Amino acid sequence: RQRIVVSRELSRLANKPDEKERLLALEKDYQYQAIDTCAGCGLCSMACPVGINTGDLTRHIRQLQNKPHENKAKWAAKHFDGSTKVMKIALDSAHLTRKVIGNQTMTKLVSKVNKLSQGKVGEWRPSMPKANHWLKEATPSHHRYAKKVVYFPSCANRTLGADPDQKDERSLTQLMYDLLDKAGFEVILPKQVADLCCGMPFHSKGFFDQADQKRMQLNQALVSASEDGKWPVLFDTSPCINSANQGIADNLSVYDPVRFAIEHLLPALSIKKSNECISLHITCSTKKAGLEQNMLSLANQLCENIHLPADIACCGFAGDKGFTHPELNESALTGLKQNLPANCRRGISSSRTCEIGLSEHAGIPYQSLYYLLDEVSQAKL
């Protein structure tokens, strides 16, 4: 509501020549308070009595502001595989540097680079993982099962490896292959998967044409991989499916991690519940999809002692905002660490970037709920 009110005031002041000084001051404050630090998660629409999503307003303004950078967005969309390869090289270099100088010095060093680059280089996060190279080595399942699933790994999970502090060093992509094989599924990977994207990285910045282009490309790849909808499609990250759904063909059966686990994995696996205390973070996209209770139910089927921290809604990481505006993530997760029981040593969620910020501010490693599912399950005989 505040963003909407100030936006109206800006429009009013724009028509008042004698109010130019006030207009400039308000525009400067509005840029940071309303545009740069808007997570765009859409949870505001759930709290609003008439369902207004202020994130749509923010993205519209970003579209206007980012017009000069549209050619860069076109290039990134066309060379998506190359863009992620560059990110992996940067992650590997950063990981090696961290091993030599430590997280504290690394944080200070990157903070200086961030200031010199005027925010173009993101801030360093202590829980930043090394790059994930496993997928390029992945091969189709050796077993030929009657059940098949098209697995679409998000660009975040294709790029980011495991949390440096977690015991299981497998990337999520590797774990997914192992878990699906255990459940009796042959894994189908879409062709040229490294170039595919749900469109969200472009849509969130107001590059709507590029977002639509990537959604269309992904839809075509999934239709082909699923043999025109014969096999279900699994997204390993909750926010991605919400974005991709805007361009998905009607004949495709697409699943987020929660629904697929409940409907396809639990019936195929024997579960021995964990008795440790595990914190659960339910992502904004899961809530918007109406799957909040489903995710809580799933977690309770895997663990006897699930802790859902009070007063934590959106984590504030918001894609890359956690790197460019870490204060947003910090503010959203204020009190998280104090809200955790002393015996809570780990957390689960369903979005890789969210888990980076959660790990840092909770002081315990967060990872995909599929790691827990893999731990407590065995194939049914």
Protein backbone atom coordinates (compact mmCIF):
# COMPACT_ATOMS: atom_id res chain seq x y z
CA ARG A 1 0.00 0.00 0.00
CA GLN A 2 2.85 2.37 0.80
CA ARG A 3 4.43 1.71 -2.59
CA ILE A 4 1.13 2.43 -4.34
CA VAL A 5 0.50 5.63 -2.36
CA VAL A 6 4.00 6.98 -3.03
CA SER A 7 3.70 6.04 -6.71
CA ARG A 8 0.54 8.15 -6.93
CA GLU A 9 2.30 11.00 -5.16
CA LEU A 10 5.15 10.84 -7.68
CA SER A 11 2.64 11.10 -10.52
CA ARG A 12 1.03 14.11 -8.85
CA LEU A 13 4.35 15.87 -8.25
CA ALA A 14 5.43 15.27 -11.86
CA ASN A 15 2.70 17.71 -12.92
CA LYS A 16 3.76 20.37 -10.40
CA PRO A 17 6.74 22.42 -11.69
CA ASP A 18 7.10 24.17 -8.33
CA GLU A 19 7.50 20.80 -6.55
CA LYS A 20 10.51 19.62 -8.59
CA GLU A 21 12.91 19.52 -5.63
CA ARG A 22 10.52 17.40 -3.58
CA LEU A 23 9.90 15.15 -6.58
CA LEU A 24 13.62 14.45 -7.05
CA ALA A 25 14.10 13.68 -3.35
CA LEU A 26 11.10 11.35 -3.30
CA GLU A 27 12.21 9.59 -6.51
CA LYS A 28 15.63 8.92 -4.98
CA ASP A 29 14.16 7.39 -1.83
CA TYR A 30 11.49 5.49 -3.78
CA GLN A 31 14.11 3.83 -5.98
CA TYR A 32 15.74 2.08 -3.03
CA GLN A 33 12.77 1.62 -0.70
CA ALA A 34 10.23 0.52 -3.31
CA ILE A 35 12.06 -0.78 -6.38
CA ASP A 36 15.52 -2.05 -5.45
CA THR A 37 14.42 -3.80 -2.26
CA CYS A 38 11.11 -5.25 -3.44
CA ALA A 39 11.35 -9.05 -3.32
CA GLY A 40 8.57 -9.31 -5.89
CA CYS A 41 7.43 -12.54 -4.23
CA GLY A 42 3.73 -11.66 -4.40
CA LEU A 43 2.94 -12.51 -0.77
CA CYS A 44 1.50 -9.00 -0.49
CA SER A 45 -1.36 -10.14 -2.76
CA MET A 46 -2.27 -12.83 -0.23
CA ALA A 47 -2.42 -10.28 2.59
CA CYS A 48 -4.30 -7.69 0.51
CA PRO A 49 -8.12 -7.87 0.86
CA VAL A 50 -8.54 -7.39 -2.90
CA GLY A 51 -5.50 -9.43 -3.98
CA ILE A 52 -3.33 -6.61 -5.35
CA ASN A 53 0.19 -7.81 -6.18
CA THR A 54 2.43 -4.77 -5.78
CA GLY A 55 5.26 -6.82 -7.25
CA ASP A 56 3.59 -6.38 -10.65
CA LEU A 57 3.92 -2.60 -10.26
CA THR A 58 7.57 -2.98 -9.30
CA ARG A 59 8.32 -5.18 -12.31
CA HIS A 60 6.57 -2.70 -14.63
CA ILE A 61 8.79 0.11 -13.32
CA ARG A 62 11.87 -2.10 -13.67
CA GLN A 63 10.87 -2.77 -17.28
CA LEU A 64 10.87 0.97 -17.99
CA GLN A 65 14.15 1.54 -16.17
CA ASN A 66 15.93 -1.42 -17.76
CA LYS A 67 15.12 -0.53 -21.38
CA PRO A 68 18.75 0.57 -21.99
CA HIS A 69 19.92 -2.91 -20.93
CA GLU A 70 17.55 -4.89 -23.13
CA ASN A 71 20.26 -5.92 -25.59
CA LYS A 72 22.23 -7.45 -22.71
CA ALA A 73 19.14 -9.38 -21.68
CA LYS A 74 18.66 -10.60 -25.25
CA TRP A 75 22.27 -11.78 -25.35
CA ALA A 76 21.96 -13.55 -21.99
CA ALA A 77 18.75 -15.29 -23.08
CA LYS A 78 20.33 -16.42 -26.35
CA HIS A 79 23.56 -17.58 -24.68
CA PHE A 80 22.14 -18.87 -21.41
CA ASP A 81 24.46 -21.88 -21.27
CA GLY A 82 27.48 -19.63 -21.68
CA SER A 83 26.24 -17.27 -18.97
CA THR A 84 25.94 -20.09 -16.43
CA LYS A 85 29.39 -21.42 -17.39
CA VAL A 86 30.88 -18.03 -16.56
CA MET A 87 29.09 -18.13 -13.20
CA LYS A 88 30.52 -21.59 -12.49
CA ILE A 89 34.05 -20.39 -13.24
CA ALA A 90 33.51 -17.47 -10.86
CA LEU A 91 32.16 -19.79 -8.15
CA ASP A 92 35.09 -22.20 -8.48
CA SER A 93 37.57 -19.33 -8.33
CA ALA A 94 35.83 -17.88 -5.29
CA HIS A 95 35.75 -21.28 -3.58
CA LEU A 96 39.52 -21.72 -4.04
CA THR A 97 40.16 -18.20 -2.75
CA ARG A 98 37.96 -18.83 0.30
CA LYS A 99 39.93 -21.97 1.13
CA VAL A 100 43.13 -19.91 1.18
CA ILE A 101 42.05 -16.69 2.92
CA GLY A 102 38.95 -17.77 4.86
CA ASN A 103 35.35 -16.53 4.87
CA GLN A 104 35.96 -13.42 6.99
CA THR A 105 38.68 -12.00 4.73
CA MET A 106 36.72 -13.08 1.66
CA THR A 107 33.66 -11.17 2.88
CA LYS A 108 35.69 -7.98 3.41
CA LEU A 109 37.45 -8.32 0.04
CA VAL A 110 34.27 -8.86 -1.97
CA SER A 111 32.53 -6.05 -0.06
CA LYS A 112 35.20 -3.63 -1.33
CA VAL A 113 34.77 -4.95 -4.88
CA ASN A 114 31.01 -4.51 -4.49
CA LYS A 115 31.44 -0.85 -3.60
CA LEU A 116 33.96 -0.20 -6.38
CA SER A 117 31.63 -1.81 -8.93
CA GLN A 118 28.67 0.21 -7.59
CA GLY A 119 26.79 -2.96 -6.73
CA LYS A 120 27.39 -4.78 -10.02
CA VAL A 121 29.35 -7.47 -8.15
CA GLY A 122 27.21 -9.02 -5.42
CA GLU A 123 28.17 -9.38 -1.78
CA TRP A 124 29.88 -12.56 -0.57
CA ARG A 125 27.81 -15.00 1.48
CA PRO A 126 29.63 -17.35 3.89
CA SER A 127 27.33 -20.21 2.87
CA MET A 128 28.09 -19.71 -0.84
CA PRO A 129 28.64 -23.13 -2.43
CA LYS A 130 31.15 -24.12 -5.04
CA ALA A 131 29.95 -24.75 -8.59
CA ASN A 132 27.97 -27.83 -9.55
CA HIS A 133 29.65 -29.78 -12.37
CA TRP A 134 27.88 -33.07 -11.83
CA LEU A 135 25.08 -32.63 -14.35
CA LYS A 136 27.43 -32.46 -17.33
CA GLU A 137 28.65 -35.92 -16.30
CA ALA A 138 25.15 -37.27 -15.75
CA THR A 139 23.89 -40.09 -17.92
CA PRO A 140 20.41 -41.58 -18.18
CA SER A 141 19.51 -44.16 -15.55
CA HIS A 142 21.15 -47.53 -16.18
CA HIS A 143 17.94 -49.27 -15.15
CA ARG A 144 15.01 -49.52 -17.53
CA TYR A 145 11.96 -48.97 -15.37
CA ALA A 146 8.34 -48.94 -16.44
CA LYS A 147 7.97 -45.57 -14.72
CA LYS A 148 9.69 -42.55 -16.22
CA VAL A 149 9.96 -38.92 -15.19
CA VAL A 150 11.26 -35.86 -17.00
CA TYR A 151 13.56 -34.10 -14.56
CA PHE A 152 14.11 -30.37 -15.06
CA PRO A 153 16.91 -29.07 -12.81
CA SER A 154 16.64 -25.32 -12.25
CA CYS A 155 19.45 -23.06 -13.42
CA ALA A 156 20.24 -22.37 -9.74
CA ASN A 157 20.71 -26.08 -9.02
CA ARG A 158 22.62 -26.64 -12.26
CA THR A 159 25.02 -23.88 -11.20
CA LEU A 160 25.22 -24.14 -7.40
CA GLY A 161 26.65 -27.17 -5.66
CA ALA A 162 26.03 -28.39 -2.13
CA ASP A 163 26.24 -26.19 0.97
CA PRO A 164 29.89 -26.20 2.14
CA ASP A 165 28.78 -27.05 5.70
CA GLN A 166 26.45 -29.95 4.95
CA LYS A 167 27.49 -33.58 5.44
CA ASP A 168 26.14 -34.82 2.11
CA GLU A 169 28.49 -33.39 -0.50
CA ARG A 170 26.33 -34.40 -3.46
CA SER A 171 24.77 -31.60 -5.45
CA LEU A 172 20.98 -31.68 -5.62
CA THR A 173 21.11 -32.79 -9.26
CA GLN A 174 23.15 -35.86 -8.32
CA LEU A 175 20.94 -36.63 -5.35
CA MET A 176 17.82 -36.37 -7.52
CA TYR A 177 19.14 -39.03 -9.88
CA ASP A 178 19.95 -41.31 -6.95
CA LEU A 179 16.59 -40.78 -5.25
CA LEU A 180 14.52 -41.21 -8.40
CA ASP A 181 16.43 -44.38 -9.23
CA LYS A 182 15.73 -45.66 -5.72
CA ALA A 183 12.01 -44.99 -6.23
CA GLY A 184 12.02 -46.94 -9.50
CA PHE A 185 11.97 -44.07 -11.99
CA GLU A 186 13.98 -43.84 -15.17
CA VAL A 187 15.18 -40.25 -15.47
CA ILE A 188 14.72 -38.33 -18.70
CA LEU A 189 16.73 -35.12 -19.01
CA PRO A 190 15.47 -32.56 -21.57
CA LYS A 191 17.79 -32.01 -24.52
CA GLN A 192 20.12 -28.99 -24.26
CA VAL A 193 19.04 -28.59 -20.64
CA ALA A 194 21.92 -26.21 -19.89
CA ASP A 195 20.30 -23.60 -22.13
CA LEU A 196 16.83 -23.90 -20.56
CA CYS A 197 15.29 -21.51 -18.04
CA CYS A 198 11.85 -20.94 -16.52
CA GLY A 199 12.09 -17.23 -17.36
CA MET A 200 12.01 -15.92 -13.81
CA PRO A 201 15.48 -14.25 -13.82
CA PHE A 202 14.33 -12.13 -16.76
CA HIS A 203 10.74 -11.56 -15.64
CA SER A 204 11.78 -10.30 -12.19
CA LYS A 205 13.87 -7.55 -13.80
CA GLY A 206 11.18 -6.48 -16.24
CA PHE A 207 12.60 -8.23 -19.32
CA PHE A 208 9.23 -9.73 -20.19
CA ASP A 209 9.95 -10.60 -23.84
CA GLN A 210 13.04 -12.58 -22.89
CA ALA A 211 11.13 -14.31 -20.09
CA ASP A 212 8.42 -15.38 -22.55
CA GLN A 213 11.09 -16.57 -24.99
CA LYS A 214 12.73 -18.79 -22.36
CA ARG A 215 9.36 -20.16 -21.20
CA MET A 216 8.43 -21.06 -24.77
CA GLN A 217 11.81 -22.76 -25.31
CA LEU A 218 11.41 -24.71 -22.06
CA ASN A 219 7.86 -25.75 -22.91
CA GLN A 220 8.96 -27.14 -26.28
CA ALA A 221 11.79 -29.09 -24.65
CA LEU A 222 9.47 -30.55 -22.00
CA VAL A 223 6.82 -31.54 -24.53
CA SER A 224 9.48 -33.39 -26.52
CA ALA A 225 11.12 -35.04 -23.49
CA SER A 226 7.78 -36.17 -22.05
CA GLU A 227 6.62 -37.58 -25.39
CA ASP A 228 3.74 -35.10 -25.59
CA GLY A 229 2.77 -35.45 -21.95
CA LYS A 230 3.13 -39.22 -21.58
CA TRP A 231 5.50 -38.82 -18.61
CA PRO A 232 5.30 -36.45 -15.62
CA VAL A 233 7.67 -33.48 -15.37
CA LEU A 234 9.46 -32.73 -12.11
CA PHE A 235 10.88 -29.29 -11.25
CA ASP A 236 13.38 -29.41 -8.38
CA THR A 237 12.77 -25.81 -7.27
CA SER A 238 9.41 -24.38 -6.19
CA PRO A 239 9.75 -20.82 -7.59
CA CYS A 240 10.66 -22.13 -11.06
CA ILE A 241 7.45 -24.04 -11.61
CA ASN A 242 5.37 -20.97 -10.72
CA SER A 243 7.15 -19.02 -13.43
CA ALA A 244 7.22 -21.80 -16.02
CA ASN A 245 3.52 -22.56 -15.52
CA GLN A 246 2.66 -19.35 -17.38
CA GLY A 247 3.79 -21.00 -20.62
CA ILE A 248 3.30 -24.73 -20.01
CA ALA A 249 1.24 -26.78 -22.48
CA ASP A 250 -2.08 -28.09 -21.13
CA ASN A 251 -1.18 -31.71 -21.85
CA LEU A 252 1.88 -31.65 -19.56
CA SER A 253 1.68 -32.92 -15.98
CA VAL A 254 4.15 -30.72 -14.12
CA TYR A 255 5.06 -31.16 -10.47
CA ASP A 256 6.82 -29.06 -7.88
CA PRO A 257 9.04 -30.94 -5.37
CA VAL A 258 6.28 -31.19 -2.75
CA ARG A 259 3.49 -32.63 -4.89
CA PHE A 260 5.80 -35.05 -6.68
CA ALA A 261 7.17 -36.39 -3.40
CA ILE A 262 3.68 -36.90 -1.97
CA GLU A 263 2.06 -38.41 -5.06
CA HIS A 264 4.93 -40.38 -6.61
CA LEU A 265 7.86 -40.89 -4.23
CA LEU A 266 6.27 -41.69 -0.87
CA PRO A 267 4.17 -44.55 -2.32
CA ALA A 268 7.34 -46.07 -3.85
CA LEU A 269 9.58 -45.81 -0.78
CA SER A 270 9.75 -47.22 2.73
CA ILE A 271 10.17 -44.40 5.24
CA LYS A 272 11.87 -44.56 8.62
CA LYS A 273 11.27 -41.15 10.20
CA SER A 274 14.13 -39.08 11.53
CA ASN A 275 13.84 -38.16 15.21
CA GLU A 276 16.12 -35.12 15.06
CA CYS A 277 14.79 -31.56 15.25
CA ILE A 278 14.65 -30.05 11.76
CA SER A 279 13.57 -26.51 10.87
CA LEU A 280 11.21 -26.08 7.90
CA HIS A 281 11.05 -23.01 5.66
CA ILE A 282 8.08 -22.85 3.29
CA THR A 283 8.88 -20.70 0.25
CA CYS A 284 6.70 -17.87 -1.04
CA SER A 285 5.97 -19.78 -4.24
CA THR A 286 4.82 -22.83 -2.27
CA LYS A 287 2.43 -20.62 -0.30
CA LYS A 288 1.14 -18.90 -3.43
CA ALA A 289 0.52 -22.32 -5.01
CA GLY A 290 -1.63 -23.27 -2.01
CA LEU A 291 0.76 -26.06 -0.99
CA GLU A 292 1.81 -24.76 2.43
CA GLN A 293 -0.06 -27.46 4.37
CA ASN A 294 1.07 -30.10 1.87
CA MET A 295 4.71 -29.23 2.50
CA LEU A 296 4.21 -29.29 6.27
CA SER A 297 2.44 -32.65 5.99
CA LEU A 298 5.28 -34.03 3.86
CA ALA A 299 7.90 -32.85 6.33
CA ASN A 300 5.99 -34.46 9.20
CA GLN A 301 5.96 -37.76 7.32
CA LEU A 302 9.75 -37.65 7.15
CA CYS A 303 10.59 -36.36 10.63
CA GLU A 304 9.12 -36.67 14.12
CA ASN A 305 10.24 -33.20 15.19
CA ILE A 306 9.64 -30.55 12.54
CA HIS A 307 9.99 -26.96 13.75
CA LEU A 308 8.22 -24.18 11.82
CA PRO A 309 9.69 -20.84 13.02
CA ALA A 310 7.09 -18.23 13.92
CA ASP A 311 6.92 -14.82 12.21
CA ILE A 312 9.07 -15.85 9.23
CA ALA A 313 7.30 -15.36 5.89
CA CYS A 314 9.33 -14.40 2.80
CA CYS A 315 13.05 -15.00 3.42
CA GLY A 316 13.92 -11.93 1.36
CA PHE A 317 16.58 -13.59 -0.78
CA ALA A 318 14.43 -13.05 -3.87
CA GLY A 319 16.58 -14.66 -6.57
CA ASP A 320 19.72 -12.52 -6.72
CA LYS A 321 18.59 -9.82 -4.26
CA GLY A 322 20.33 -11.75 -1.50
CA PHE A 323 23.61 -11.01 -3.30
CA THR A 324 22.97 -7.44 -4.45
CA HIS A 325 20.91 -6.26 -1.45
CA PRO A 326 21.78 -8.62 1.44
CA GLU A 327 20.13 -6.25 3.92
CA LEU A 328 16.74 -7.34 2.52
CA ASN A 329 17.49 -10.97 3.37
CA GLU A 330 18.87 -9.97 6.77
CA SER A 331 15.79 -7.91 7.64
CA ALA A 332 13.36 -10.63 6.56
CA LEU A 333 15.13 -13.25 8.68
CA THR A 334 15.61 -11.14 11.80
CA GLY A 335 14.89 -13.37 14.77
CA LEU A 336 15.19 -16.65 12.88
CA LYS A 337 18.25 -17.84 14.78
CA GLN A 338 16.69 -16.95 18.14
CA ASN A 339 13.51 -18.75 17.09
CA LEU A 340 15.24 -22.12 16.68
CA PRO A 341 15.37 -24.72 19.46
CA ALA A 342 18.86 -25.39 20.83
CA ASN A 343 18.78 -28.95 19.48
CA CYS A 344 17.87 -27.86 15.93
CA ARG A 345 20.95 -28.51 13.80
CA ARG A 346 19.62 -28.33 10.23
CA GLY A 347 16.81 -27.01 8.06
CA ILE A 348 14.96 -27.93 4.87
CA SER A 349 13.24 -25.95 2.12
CA SER A 350 12.65 -26.16 -1.64
CA SER A 351 14.65 -23.32 -3.20
CA ARG A 352 18.44 -23.32 -3.50
CA THR A 353 18.99 -19.56 -3.29
CA CYS A 354 16.62 -19.21 -0.33
CA GLU A 355 18.65 -21.91 1.43
CA ILE A 356 21.86 -19.83 1.12
CA GLY A 357 20.37 -16.95 3.11
CA LEU A 358 18.58 -19.22 5.55
CA SER A 359 21.83 -21.07 6.31
CA GLU A 360 23.66 -17.84 7.00
CA HIS A 361 21.07 -16.21 9.25
CA ALA A 362 19.97 -19.34 11.07
CA GLY A 363 23.50 -20.52 11.74
CA ILE A 364 22.60 -24.05 10.58
CA PRO A 365 22.74 -25.55 7.07
CA TYR A 366 19.48 -25.54 5.08
CA GLN A 367 19.08 -27.83 2.10
CA SER A 368 16.40 -29.27 -0.15
CA LEU A 369 13.78 -31.43 1.56
CA TYR A 370 14.84 -34.13 -0.92
CA TYR A 371 18.08 -34.65 1.04
CA LEU A 372 15.99 -35.59 4.07
CA LEU A 373 13.70 -37.78 1.97
CA ASP A 374 16.73 -39.62 0.58
CA GLU A 375 18.18 -40.12 4.08
CA VAL A 376 15.06 -41.64 5.63
CA SER A 377 13.94 -43.79 2.68
CA GLN A 378 14.68 -47.16 1.15
CA ALA A 379 13.33 -48.79 -1.97
CA LYS A 380 10.29 -50.97 -1.35
CA LEU A 381 11.06 -54.63 -1.94
